[in-house]
C-alpha cells in the first residue's frame, strides 16, 4: 500500500512538472563592471528574482535565465551595443532552451542597441525589457513596445528641470554641460530639444571638459552679463568648486539660482552631492549651497537601505562571485539598479501569472497583447515602486530640494504629482531660507544684467547729486521737451497739408509754416 501511494505521488509530480510553463529569460549585455549596466552587477539580481519567482509560482511556471555576454572582447556599453542584435538573434534561432513549447523574453540591463533588438523582438512578438541604460527605440512598426524600467529616465529628468524653470518664469538660462560622463550630454540634449516647445526659453549652452578645468572664472565671466539662472550638469564635486568660486565674487547672495540634477545617488561613479568634504572650503560651500536647487528621485522609504534591500545586496554580491567569479564591495554596488533589475523580473512573473489565470495560455504567448498589461500601472513589491506609463517607460517620482538651516541640510519643497501628469507642485515655502529672502529671484534684475537700464541710471544720477528731487525734475523737463517737440511736429504737418491743399492761395501766414515748402526758380537762358 505504501509503495502504491509513493508511485502515485511520483506520477502526480511528473504530471505537474510536465504541465509547467517553461519561461526562458535572455539577458544580453557585457560582464566587466565598467559601468552600472554591467551584467556582473545586475544579472545576479535577475537570477535572485528567477529563483524567488519559481518558489512563488511553483507548479505553474519554471523560469530560467540565459546570460548572453557576447565575445570576450566586449568590455563596455558601446562595444556591447554593436554586437547586441547579432547575439540576441543567434540565441533565439540556435540556442533557446525550449524553442517549440516555451515562452521567451529579453531582459537586459543595457548595452544593447534598443532599436535593432526591438525590431527583432517585435518581429518575434516577445517582450523586451531594459532596466538600466535606455535610449528610446526608433523602431515604430506595430509590435510590443520596449518596457524601460530603468530607475531614472533622462527624458523625465530633463522635463522636470524645464517644469521647474517654467514655474518661476525663469526663461533665460546659462547651461554648463560636462562632456563626461555621457549622462550629462544626454540630459542636456533632452532639455534643449524640449525647450524648443517653449518659444520664450533662451538657453545658452556651454560644453566643457571640467576634469581639465583649474578655474571657473571664464565661465562666471561669461555667465554674469547674460543670466541669473544657471543649470549645471556635471559631477557634484565640480559643482561644489563652481559654487565656492562664485561665492568669492558675491554670486551666491540669492540673486543667482543654481540648478543641478542628481540622477543617481552613487558616490563612486557620480560623486557626493554635499557641501561637506572635510576641507578648508567647507564653510564657504555650506553657505553657497543655499543658492542651489537639486532635481532628484524621491525616496520616502529609503527602500535601498532597508533590511530586505541589504539582504538582496548581499545575495547579489555572492551571485556575482558564483556566476562570473567577480567580487566587489557594497560601495561599488549600484543598489538602485540592482533593485530595478530584481523588480523587473518579479513584475514580469506577476503579470504572466495574472494573465494566465484570466485569459489562458494562448494570451501569454502573444507579446503584443501581453505588453498592454504593464502600461499605465504601478507595481510595488516592497523593494521598488515601479510605475510604467502608457508609452512603456518607468516614471520615477522626482522632487526638487534646497539646502536650509545652519547645517545646510536638504529639504524637499517641490514634488511631482502623479494625479497632475507628474507636474511639480509646491509642498513647502523656502522664502525664509533663501539667501537675501527674496524668493523667487527674478529672471532678470530690475536694473538689467549689467545695471544699464534707464531707471537705474537715473537713480544713480540722483544719488550722485544727493537730491532725489533732481530725478523728478529731470523727468518733468524731459516730458516738457517731448511735448514741445510733439506740438512742433503736429503744427508742421498741419501747415504742410494746408499748403498742399491750397498751393495756389499762399497767404501772408505761410511764413508760419516753418519753411515747410521750398520754392526754386530756374532762370531761362
Protein backbone atom coordinates (compact mmCIF):
# COMPACT_ATOMS: atom_id res chain seq x y z
CA UNK A 1 0.00 0.00 0.00
CA UNK A 2 2.84 2.37 0.89
CA UNK A 3 4.61 1.60 -2.42
CA UNK A 4 1.44 2.27 -4.37
CA UNK A 5 0.98 5.63 -2.62
CA UNK A 6 4.58 6.59 -3.33
CA UNK A 7 4.19 5.65 -7.01
CA UNK A 8 1.02 7.71 -7.22
CA UNK A 9 2.80 10.77 -5.77
CA UNK A 10 5.67 10.36 -8.24
CA UNK A 11 3.28 10.17 -11.18
CA UNK A 12 1.42 13.23 -9.96
CA UNK A 13 4.68 15.13 -9.56
CA UNK A 14 5.81 14.17 -13.07
CA UNK A 15 2.48 15.34 -14.42
CA UNK A 16 2.83 18.61 -12.52
CA UNK A 17 6.32 19.27 -13.88
CA UNK A 18 5.31 18.43 -17.44
CA UNK A 19 2.38 20.85 -17.18
CA UNK A 20 4.53 23.71 -16.00
CA UNK A 21 5.15 26.51 -18.49
CA UNK A 22 8.82 26.98 -19.29
CA UNK A 23 9.83 30.68 -19.40
CA UNK A 24 13.33 31.50 -20.61
CA UNK A 25 14.68 34.97 -19.97
CA UNK A 26 17.56 36.02 -22.22
CA UNK A 27 19.92 38.57 -20.74
CA UNK A 28 22.29 40.24 -23.25
CA UNK A 29 25.00 42.65 -22.17
CA UNK A 30 28.62 42.81 -21.05
CA UNK A 31 30.24 41.34 -17.96
CA UNK A 32 33.15 43.58 -16.79
CA UNK A 33 31.99 46.08 -14.15
CA UNK A 34 32.87 49.08 -16.32
CA UNK A 35 29.52 50.77 -15.66
CA UNK A 36 26.37 50.33 -13.60
CA UNK A 37 24.75 48.46 -16.53
CA UNK A 38 27.26 45.59 -16.36
CA UNK A 39 25.91 42.04 -16.11
CA UNK A 40 28.22 41.45 -13.18
CA UNK A 41 26.13 43.95 -11.18
CA UNK A 42 22.61 43.28 -12.47
CA UNK A 43 22.43 39.64 -13.70
CA UNK A 44 22.69 38.28 -10.10
CA UNK A 45 19.57 40.33 -9.29
CA UNK A 46 17.81 38.77 -12.27
CA UNK A 47 18.84 35.33 -11.05
CA UNK A 48 17.65 36.03 -7.50
CA UNK A 49 14.26 37.09 -8.85
CA UNK A 50 14.09 33.97 -11.04
CA UNK A 51 14.69 31.77 -8.01
CA UNK A 52 12.09 33.61 -5.92
CA UNK A 53 9.53 33.55 -8.74
CA UNK A 54 9.99 29.78 -9.13
CA UNK A 55 9.23 29.43 -5.45
CA UNK A 56 6.17 31.74 -5.59
CA UNK A 57 4.71 30.19 -8.76
CA UNK A 58 5.84 26.63 -8.14
CA UNK A 59 3.98 24.17 -10.32
CA UNK A 60 2.83 26.89 -12.73
CA UNK A 61 5.97 28.41 -14.23
CA UNK A 62 9.59 27.37 -14.40
CA UNK A 63 11.76 30.44 -15.02
CA UNK A 64 15.34 30.18 -16.26
CA UNK A 65 17.93 32.84 -17.00
CA UNK A 66 20.25 32.68 -20.02
CA UNK A 67 23.10 35.19 -19.94
CA UNK A 68 24.33 36.36 -23.39
CA UNK A 69 27.64 38.12 -22.71
CA UNK A 70 28.91 38.33 -26.27
CA UNK A 71 32.57 37.85 -27.23
CA UNK A 72 35.28 38.10 -24.59
CA UNK A 73 36.49 41.34 -26.18
CA UNK A 74 33.24 43.10 -25.22
CA UNK A 75 34.06 45.12 -22.15
CA UNK A 76 31.80 48.19 -22.15
CA UNK A 77 28.42 49.59 -23.17
CA UNK A 78 29.43 50.93 -26.57
CA UNK A 79 31.13 47.80 -27.89
CA UNK A 80 28.29 45.69 -26.50
CA UNK A 81 25.71 47.71 -28.43
CA UNK A 82 27.47 47.00 -31.71
CA UNK A 83 27.05 43.21 -31.41
CA UNK A 84 23.83 43.01 -29.39
CA UNK A 85 21.42 42.40 -32.29
CA UNK A 86 23.60 39.58 -33.65
CA UNK A 87 23.99 37.93 -30.24
CA UNK A 88 20.26 38.08 -29.47
CA UNK A 89 19.24 36.70 -32.86
CA UNK A 90 21.88 33.94 -32.60
CA UNK A 91 20.43 32.92 -29.23
CA UNK A 92 16.85 32.99 -30.50
CA UNK A 93 17.42 30.88 -33.58
CA UNK A 94 20.05 28.41 -32.32
CA UNK A 95 20.29 28.34 -28.53
CA UNK A 96 16.85 28.64 -26.97
CA UNK A 97 16.20 26.03 -24.33
CA UNK A 98 12.57 25.42 -25.34
CA UNK A 99 12.11 26.73 -28.90
CA UNK A 100 8.84 24.88 -29.52
CA UNK A 101 6.87 24.92 -26.29
CA UNK A 102 8.37 27.55 -24.02
CA UNK A 103 7.89 31.30 -23.57
CA UNK A 104 10.75 33.72 -24.08
CA UNK A 105 11.52 37.31 -23.17
CA UNK A 106 14.57 39.53 -23.35
CA UNK A 107 15.53 41.45 -20.21
CA UNK A 108 18.75 43.44 -20.41
CA UNK A 109 20.42 45.88 -18.03
CA UNK A 110 21.65 47.85 -21.04
CA UNK A 111 24.47 47.76 -23.51
CA UNK A 112 22.08 46.83 -26.32
CA UNK A 113 21.10 48.67 -29.47
CA UNK A 114 17.48 49.26 -28.45
CA UNK A 115 16.20 49.96 -31.97
CA UNK A 116 17.82 46.91 -33.57
CA UNK A 117 16.96 44.50 -30.77
CA UNK A 118 13.46 45.94 -30.56
CA UNK A 119 12.99 45.26 -34.25
CA UNK A 120 13.86 41.62 -33.61
CA UNK A 121 11.65 41.15 -30.55
CA UNK A 122 8.73 42.90 -32.27
CA UNK A 123 9.05 40.52 -35.21
CA UNK A 124 9.12 37.55 -32.82
CA UNK A 125 6.22 39.07 -30.82
CA UNK A 126 8.04 38.72 -27.49
CA UNK A 127 8.72 41.26 -24.75
CA UNK A 128 11.87 43.36 -24.40
CA UNK A 129 12.75 44.99 -21.04
CA UNK A 130 15.67 47.34 -20.38
CA UNK A 131 16.45 48.01 -16.72
CA UNK A 132 19.43 50.41 -16.55
CA UNK A 133 20.77 52.18 -19.62
CA UNK A 134 17.95 53.01 -22.03
CA UNK A 135 17.77 55.15 -25.17
CA UNK A 136 14.41 55.44 -26.89
CA UNK A 137 13.86 52.91 -29.67
CA UNK A 138 13.30 54.41 -33.13
CA UNK A 139 11.53 51.28 -34.34
CA UNK A 140 7.90 52.28 -34.83
CA UNK A 141 6.25 49.39 -36.68
CA UNK A 142 3.44 47.70 -34.75
CA UNK A 143 4.70 45.36 -32.05
CA UNK A 144 5.26 45.14 -28.29
CA UNK A 145 6.90 48.37 -27.06
CA UNK A 146 10.18 48.39 -25.19
CA UNK A 147 9.37 48.29 -21.47
CA UNK A 148 12.00 50.50 -19.82
CA UNK A 149 12.14 50.02 -16.05
CA UNK A 150 15.37 51.97 -15.56
CA UNK A 151 15.37 53.76 -12.22
CA UNK A 152 15.94 57.24 -13.64
CA UNK A 153 14.75 58.35 -17.06
CA UNK A 154 16.94 61.05 -18.62
CA UNK A 155 13.91 62.27 -20.56
CA UNK A 156 11.73 62.74 -17.48
CA UNK A 157 14.58 64.36 -15.54
CA UNK A 158 15.01 66.89 -18.34
CA UNK A 159 11.27 67.58 -18.38
CA UNK A 160 11.32 68.13 -14.59
CA UNK A 161 14.12 70.70 -15.00
CA UNK A 162 12.07 72.56 -17.62
CA UNK A 163 9.00 72.39 -15.38
CA UNK A 164 10.99 73.97 -12.54
CA UNK A 165 12.13 76.81 -14.82
CA UNK A 166 8.56 77.35 -16.03
CA UNK A 167 7.05 77.52 -12.52
CA UNK A 168 9.20 80.52 -11.60
CA UNK A 169 9.23 82.07 -15.07
CA UNK A 170 12.98 81.67 -15.46
CA UNK A 171 13.29 81.98 -19.22
CA UNK A 172 16.95 82.91 -19.63
CA UNK A 173 19.30 80.11 -18.60
CA UNK A 174 23.06 79.60 -18.73
CA UNK A 175 23.67 75.85 -19.02
CA UNK A 176 27.07 74.31 -18.24
CA UNK A 177 27.46 70.75 -19.55
CA UNK A 178 30.36 68.48 -18.63
CA UNK A 179 31.05 66.15 -21.55
CA UNK A 180 32.00 63.24 -19.26
CA UNK A 181 30.22 61.04 -18.28
CA UNK A 182 27.76 60.92 -21.20
CA UNK A 183 24.65 61.12 -18.99
CA UNK A 184 25.15 64.90 -18.75
CA UNK A 185 25.20 65.41 -22.52
CA UNK A 186 22.14 63.15 -22.88
CA UNK A 187 20.30 65.19 -20.26
CA UNK A 188 21.34 68.45 -21.92
CA UNK A 189 20.02 67.19 -25.24
CA UNK A 190 16.65 66.36 -23.70
CA UNK A 191 16.45 69.84 -22.18
CA UNK A 192 17.45 71.61 -25.39
CA UNK A 193 15.10 69.53 -27.57
CA UNK A 194 12.08 70.09 -25.34
CA UNK A 195 12.82 73.74 -24.58
CA UNK A 196 12.15 74.46 -28.24
CA UNK A 197 8.50 73.82 -27.47
CA UNK A 198 8.54 76.99 -25.35
CA UNK A 199 9.45 79.88 -27.60
CA UNK A 200 10.21 82.13 -24.63
CA UNK A 201 13.03 79.91 -23.35
CA UNK A 202 16.57 81.12 -24.08
CA UNK A 203 19.27 78.62 -23.11
CA UNK A 204 22.92 79.48 -23.60
CA UNK A 205 24.76 76.16 -23.57
CA UNK A 206 28.46 75.73 -22.89
CA UNK A 207 30.09 72.30 -23.27
CA UNK A 208 33.21 71.90 -21.16
CA UNK A 209 35.67 69.25 -20.02
CA UNK A 210 35.71 70.01 -16.32
CA UNK A 211 38.36 67.45 -15.44
CA UNK A 212 40.80 69.76 -17.24
CA UNK A 213 39.45 72.93 -15.60
CA UNK A 214 41.51 74.61 -12.89
CA UNK A 215 39.41 77.79 -12.64
CA UNK A 216 35.76 78.62 -13.28
CA UNK A 217 36.48 82.31 -13.78
CA UNK A 218 35.91 82.24 -17.58
CA UNK A 219 32.50 80.59 -17.13
CA UNK A 220 31.49 83.05 -14.40
CA UNK A 221 32.67 86.00 -16.51
CA UNK A 222 30.60 84.77 -19.44
CA UNK A 223 27.54 83.96 -17.36
CA UNK A 224 27.30 87.13 -15.26
CA UNK A 225 26.21 89.58 -18.02
CA UNK A 226 23.65 87.26 -19.65
CA UNK A 227 21.79 85.23 -16.98
CA UNK A 228 20.93 84.82 -13.32
CA UNK A 229 19.79 81.18 -13.59
CA UNK A 230 22.47 78.53 -14.05
CA UNK A 231 21.79 74.89 -14.96
CA UNK A 232 24.93 72.98 -14.01
CA UNK A 233 25.07 69.45 -15.45
CA UNK A 234 28.18 67.86 -14.03
CA UNK A 235 29.50 65.85 -11.10
CA UNK A 236 28.73 67.27 -7.63
CA UNK A 237 32.41 67.80 -6.81
CA UNK A 238 32.75 70.12 -9.83
CA UNK A 239 29.54 71.85 -8.82
CA UNK A 240 30.91 72.46 -5.33
CA UNK A 241 34.08 74.03 -6.74
CA UNK A 242 31.97 76.19 -9.04
CA UNK A 243 29.80 77.45 -6.17
CA UNK A 244 32.80 78.13 -3.94
CA UNK A 245 34.40 80.25 -6.67
CA UNK A 246 31.07 82.00 -7.34
CA UNK A 247 30.84 82.81 -3.63
CA UNK A 248 34.13 84.71 -3.72
CA UNK A 249 32.52 87.01 -6.30
CA UNK A 250 29.35 87.55 -4.22
CA UNK A 251 27.34 85.48 -6.68
CA UNK A 252 25.68 83.24 -4.08
CA UNK A 253 23.83 86.04 -2.28
CA UNK A 254 20.40 84.99 -3.56
CA UNK A 255 20.43 86.97 -6.81
CA UNK A 256 21.55 83.86 -8.70
CA UNK A 257 19.85 80.47 -8.86
CA UNK A 258 21.93 77.32 -9.43
CA UNK A 259 20.16 74.14 -10.53
CA UNK A 260 21.57 70.63 -10.84
CA UNK A 261 20.19 67.16 -11.48
CA UNK A 262 21.18 64.27 -9.23
CA UNK A 263 20.16 61.33 -11.37
CA UNK A 264 21.99 58.72 -9.29
CA UNK A 265 22.92 58.70 -5.63
CA UNK A 266 26.00 56.60 -6.30
CA UNK A 267 29.06 58.29 -4.85
CA UNK A 268 31.58 56.06 -6.61
CA UNK A 269 30.51 56.91 -10.16
CA UNK A 270 28.57 60.15 -9.81
CA UNK A 271 30.08 61.94 -6.83
CA UNK A 272 28.84 63.15 -3.46
CA UNK A 273 26.11 65.81 -3.55
CA UNK A 274 27.20 67.59 -0.38
CA UNK A 275 28.94 70.75 0.72
CA UNK A 276 30.86 68.84 3.42
CA UNK A 277 34.10 67.43 2.02
CA UNK A 278 36.19 67.94 5.16
CA UNK A 279 38.46 70.59 3.64
CA UNK A 280 39.09 74.29 4.13
CA UNK A 281 36.25 75.22 1.74
CA UNK A 282 33.51 73.57 3.79
CA UNK A 283 32.29 76.76 5.45
CA UNK A 284 32.10 78.70 2.18
CA UNK A 285 30.46 75.75 0.45
CA UNK A 286 27.89 75.37 3.25
CA UNK A 287 26.61 78.89 2.67
CA UNK A 288 26.97 78.73 -1.11
CA UNK A 289 24.83 75.58 -1.32
CA UNK A 290 21.86 77.60 -0.04
CA UNK A 291 21.63 79.06 -3.56
CA UNK A 292 21.35 75.57 -5.07
CA UNK A 293 18.27 73.60 -6.16
CA UNK A 294 18.59 69.85 -6.79
CA UNK A 295 16.29 67.80 -9.02
CA UNK A 296 16.39 64.16 -7.90
CA UNK A 297 14.30 61.00 -7.40
CA UNK A 298 12.01 60.79 -4.40
CA UNK A 299 12.65 58.02 -1.89
CA UNK A 300 10.45 58.47 1.18
CA UNK A 301 11.01 54.95 2.47
CA UNK A 302 14.69 54.53 1.58
CA UNK A 303 13.97 51.03 0.26
CA UNK A 304 17.56 50.62 -0.90
CA UNK A 305 18.70 50.84 2.70
CA UNK A 306 16.05 48.54 4.18
CA UNK A 307 16.79 45.17 5.75
CA UNK A 308 15.33 43.33 2.77
CA UNK A 309 17.31 45.52 0.39
CA UNK A 310 20.52 44.81 2.31
CA UNK A 311 19.82 41.10 2.18
CA UNK A 312 19.32 41.26 -1.57
CA UNK A 313 22.56 43.21 -1.94
CA UNK A 314 24.49 40.51 -0.08
CA UNK A 315 22.82 37.81 -2.12
CA UNK A 316 23.70 39.54 -5.40
CA UNK A 317 27.36 40.03 -4.46
CA UNK A 318 27.56 36.32 -3.70
CA UNK A 319 25.80 35.64 -7.01
CA UNK A 320 28.39 37.70 -8.89
CA UNK A 321 31.09 35.50 -7.40
CA UNK A 322 29.24 32.31 -8.37
CA UNK A 323 28.19 33.44 -11.87
CA UNK A 324 31.20 35.47 -13.03
CA UNK A 325 33.93 34.88 -10.43
CA UNK A 326 33.92 38.60 -9.66
CA UNK A 327 33.93 40.29 -6.27
CA UNK A 328 33.07 43.85 -5.34
CA UNK A 329 32.09 45.75 -2.21
CA UNK A 330 28.75 47.27 -1.26
CA UNK A 331 30.32 50.69 -2.00
CA UNK A 332 30.71 49.69 -5.66
CA UNK A 333 27.28 48.11 -5.95
CA UNK A 334 24.62 50.23 -7.76
CA UNK A 335 21.75 49.27 -5.46
CA UNK A 336 19.06 51.30 -7.18
CA UNK A 337 19.73 49.42 -10.40
CA UNK A 338 20.01 46.10 -8.59
CA UNK A 339 16.54 46.71 -7.16
CA UNK A 340 15.18 47.71 -10.58
CA UNK A 341 16.58 44.50 -12.09
CA UNK A 342 15.09 42.28 -9.41
CA UNK A 343 11.70 44.00 -9.51
CA UNK A 344 11.51 43.84 -13.32
CA UNK A 345 11.73 40.04 -13.32
CA UNK A 346 9.30 39.90 -10.40
CA UNK A 347 6.67 42.05 -12.12
CA UNK A 348 7.10 40.07 -15.35
CA UNK A 349 6.34 36.87 -13.44
CA UNK A 350 3.40 38.53 -11.69
CA UNK A 351 1.79 39.68 -14.95
CA UNK A 352 2.31 36.26 -16.55
CA UNK A 353 0.50 34.60 -13.65
CA UNK A 354 -2.34 37.14 -13.67
CA UNK A 355 -2.81 36.81 -17.41
CA UNK A 356 -2.68 33.03 -17.36
CA UNK A 357 -5.39 33.00 -14.70
CA UNK A 358 -7.66 35.44 -16.51
CA UNK A 359 -7.08 34.73 -20.21
CA UNK A 360 -5.29 31.41 -20.59
CA UNK A 361 -2.03 30.22 -22.05
CA UNK A 362 -2.55 31.50 -25.60
CA UNK A 363 -2.76 35.09 -24.39
CA UNK A 364 0.57 34.99 -22.54
CA UNK A 365 2.26 33.80 -25.75
CA UNK A 366 1.14 37.00 -27.51
CA UNK A 367 3.74 39.64 -26.64
CA UNK A 368 1.78 42.44 -28.26
CA UNK A 369 -1.31 41.72 -26.16
CA UNK A 370 0.68 40.92 -23.03
CA UNK A 371 2.58 44.22 -23.13
CA UNK A 372 -0.66 46.13 -22.54
CA UNK A 373 -0.91 44.56 -19.07
CA UNK A 374 2.14 46.57 -17.97
CA UNK A 375 1.09 50.01 -19.22
CA UNK A 376 -0.35 52.73 -17.01
CA UNK A 377 0.20 50.63 -13.92
CA UNK A 378 2.03 50.82 -10.59
CA UNK A 379 3.93 47.76 -9.34
CA UNK A 380 5.03 47.52 -5.69
CA UNK A 381 6.97 44.57 -4.31
CA UNK A 382 8.46 46.05 -1.14
CA UNK A 383 11.76 46.81 -2.87
CA UNK A 384 10.81 49.14 -5.72
CA UNK A 385 7.80 51.20 -6.67
CA UNK A 386 7.64 50.98 -10.47
CA UNK A 387 5.06 52.98 -12.40
CA UNK A 388 5.13 52.25 -16.15
CA UNK A 389 3.37 54.89 -18.22
CA UNK A 390 1.35 54.30 -21.38
CA UNK A 391 4.44 54.54 -23.57
CA UNK A 392 6.16 51.71 -21.67
CA UNK A 393 8.65 53.84 -19.75
CA UNK A 394 9.02 53.81 -15.99
CA UNK A 395 8.22 57.16 -14.45
CA UNK A 396 10.04 57.65 -11.16
CA UNK A 397 8.63 60.43 -8.98
CA UNK A 398 11.04 63.36 -8.93
CA UNK A 399 11.36 66.20 -6.43
CA UNK A 400 13.24 69.48 -6.05
CA UNK A 401 15.21 70.08 -2.86
CA UNK A 402 17.07 73.04 -1.41
CA UNK A 403 19.64 73.36 1.34
CA UNK A 404 18.45 75.01 4.54
CA UNK A 405 19.34 75.60 8.19
CA UNK A 406 22.65 76.11 9.91
CA UNK A 407 23.95 72.79 8.59
CA UNK A 408 22.55 73.31 5.06
CA UNK A 409 20.51 70.11 5.09
CA UNK A 410 18.42 69.07 2.11
CA UNK A 411 14.67 69.64 2.22
CA UNK A 412 12.07 68.87 -0.46
CA UNK A 413 9.82 71.78 -1.47
CA UNK A 414 8.51 70.67 -4.90
CA UNK A 415 7.25 67.19 -5.76
CA UNK A 416 5.80 65.60 -8.86
CA UNK A 417 2.15 64.64 -8.60
CA UNK A 418 1.02 61.55 -10.47
CA UNK A 419 -2.51 62.98 -10.42
CA UNK A 420 -1.29 66.05 -12.31
CA UNK A 421 0.58 64.15 -15.03
CA UNK A 422 3.77 64.29 -12.94
CA UNK A 423 3.86 68.08 -12.88
CA UNK A 424 5.75 69.66 -9.97
CA UNK A 425 3.65 71.10 -7.17
CA UNK A 426 4.68 73.07 -4.11
CA UNK A 427 4.74 71.42 -0.71
CA UNK A 428 6.97 73.93 1.07
CA UNK A 429 7.98 77.59 1.18
CA UNK A 430 11.68 78.38 1.00
CA UNK A 431 11.40 82.17 1.16
CA UNK A 432 12.88 82.48 4.65
CA UNK A 433 15.69 80.04 3.86
CA UNK A 434 16.73 81.63 0.56
CA UNK A 435 19.78 83.95 0.75
CA UNK A 436 18.54 87.54 0.87
CA UNK A 437 14.99 86.20 1.42
CA UNK A 438 13.80 87.43 -1.97
CA UNK A 439 12.16 84.33 -3.42
CA UNK A 440 11.92 83.59 -6.23
CA UNK A 441 14.72 85.69 -7.71
CA UNK A 442 13.58 87.41 -10.93
CA UNK A 443 14.66 86.06 -14.28
CA UNK A 444 16.34 89.42 -14.92
CA UNK A 445 17.28 92.03 -12.29
CA UNK A 446 15.30 95.29 -12.25
CA UNK A 447 18.36 97.15 -13.48
CA UNK A 448 19.24 94.53 -16.10
CA UNK A 449 22.08 92.04 -16.11
CA UNK A 450 24.64 94.86 -16.44
CA UNK A 451 22.87 97.58 -14.37
CA UNK A 452 22.34 99.57 -17.56
CA UNK A 453 18.57 100.12 -17.61
CA UNK A 454 17.42 103.78 -17.70
CA UNK A 455 15.55 103.71 -14.42
CA UNK A 456 18.65 102.60 -12.55
CA UNK A 457 20.88 105.08 -14.35
CA UNK A 458 18.57 107.89 -13.24
CA UNK A 459 18.56 106.59 -9.69
CA UNK A 460 22.33 106.53 -9.84
CA UNK A 461 22.37 110.12 -11.07
CA UNK A 462 20.11 111.11 -8.19
CA UNK A 463 22.42 109.51 -5.68
CA UNK A 464 25.42 111.29 -7.19
CA UNK A 465 23.79 114.72 -6.78
CA UNK A 466 22.43 113.78 -3.37
CA UNK A 467 18.98 115.13 -4.22
CA UNK A 468 16.07 112.86 -5.16
CA UNK A 469 14.14 115.85 -6.48
CA UNK A 470 16.77 116.07 -9.20
CA UNK A 471 15.44 112.87 -10.76
CA UNK A 472 11.86 114.18 -10.66
CA UNK A 473 12.94 117.48 -12.23
CA UNK A 474 14.86 115.61 -14.90
CA UNK A 475 11.79 113.52 -15.75
CA UNK A 476 9.49 116.61 -15.83
CA UNK A 477 11.86 118.53 -18.09
CA UNK A 478 12.12 115.54 -20.36
CA UNK A 479 8.34 115.28 -20.63
CA UNK A 480 8.04 119.03 -21.35
CA UNK A 481 10.64 118.73 -24.06
CA UNK A 482 8.76 115.83 -25.62
CA UNK A 483 5.52 117.86 -25.50
CA UNK A 484 7.13 120.84 -27.25
CA UNK A 485 8.59 118.61 -29.90
CA UNK A 486 5.23 116.91 -30.41
CA UNK A 487 3.44 120.27 -30.82
CA UNK A 488 6.09 121.38 -33.30
CA UNK A 489 5.70 118.33 -35.49
CA UNK A 490 1.88 118.42 -35.36
CA UNK A 491 1.84 122.07 -36.41
CA UNK A 492 4.35 121.39 -39.12
CA UNK A 493 2.26 118.56 -40.55
CA UNK A 494 -0.91 120.67 -40.45
CA UNK A 495 0.78 123.52 -42.26
CA UNK A 496 2.25 121.18 -44.85
CA UNK A 497 -1.17 119.71 -45.51
CA UNK A 498 -2.65 123.17 -45.83
CA UNK A 499 -0.06 124.18 -48.41
CA UNK A 500 -0.72 121.05 -50.42
CA UNK A 501 -4.45 121.65 -50.37
CA UNK A 502 -4.20 125.40 -51.36
CA UNK A 503 -0.91 125.68 -53.13
CA UNK A 504 -2.38 128.39 -55.34
CA UNK A 505 -3.53 130.53 -52.42
CA UNK A 506 -0.42 131.44 -50.50
CA UNK A 507 -1.28 133.98 -47.88
CA UNK A 508 0.78 136.01 -45.52
CA UNK A 509 0.52 133.32 -42.87
CA UNK A 510 2.52 130.85 -44.97
CA UNK A 511 5.60 132.10 -43.22
CA UNK A 512 4.37 130.48 -40.05
CA UNK A 513 4.81 127.01 -41.54
CA UNK A 514 8.47 126.92 -40.57
CA UNK A 515 9.60 126.81 -44.22
CA UNK A 516 7.54 123.75 -44.86
CA UNK A 517 7.81 124.17 -48.62
CA UNK A 518 10.82 125.48 -50.58
CA UNK A 519 10.36 127.12 -53.96
CA UNK A 520 13.05 127.26 -56.61
CA UNK A 521 13.00 129.21 -59.87
CA UNK A 522 15.20 128.36 -62.79
CA UNK A 523 16.21 131.26 -65.00
CA UNK A 524 15.72 130.82 -68.70
CA UNK A 525 18.73 131.47 -70.82
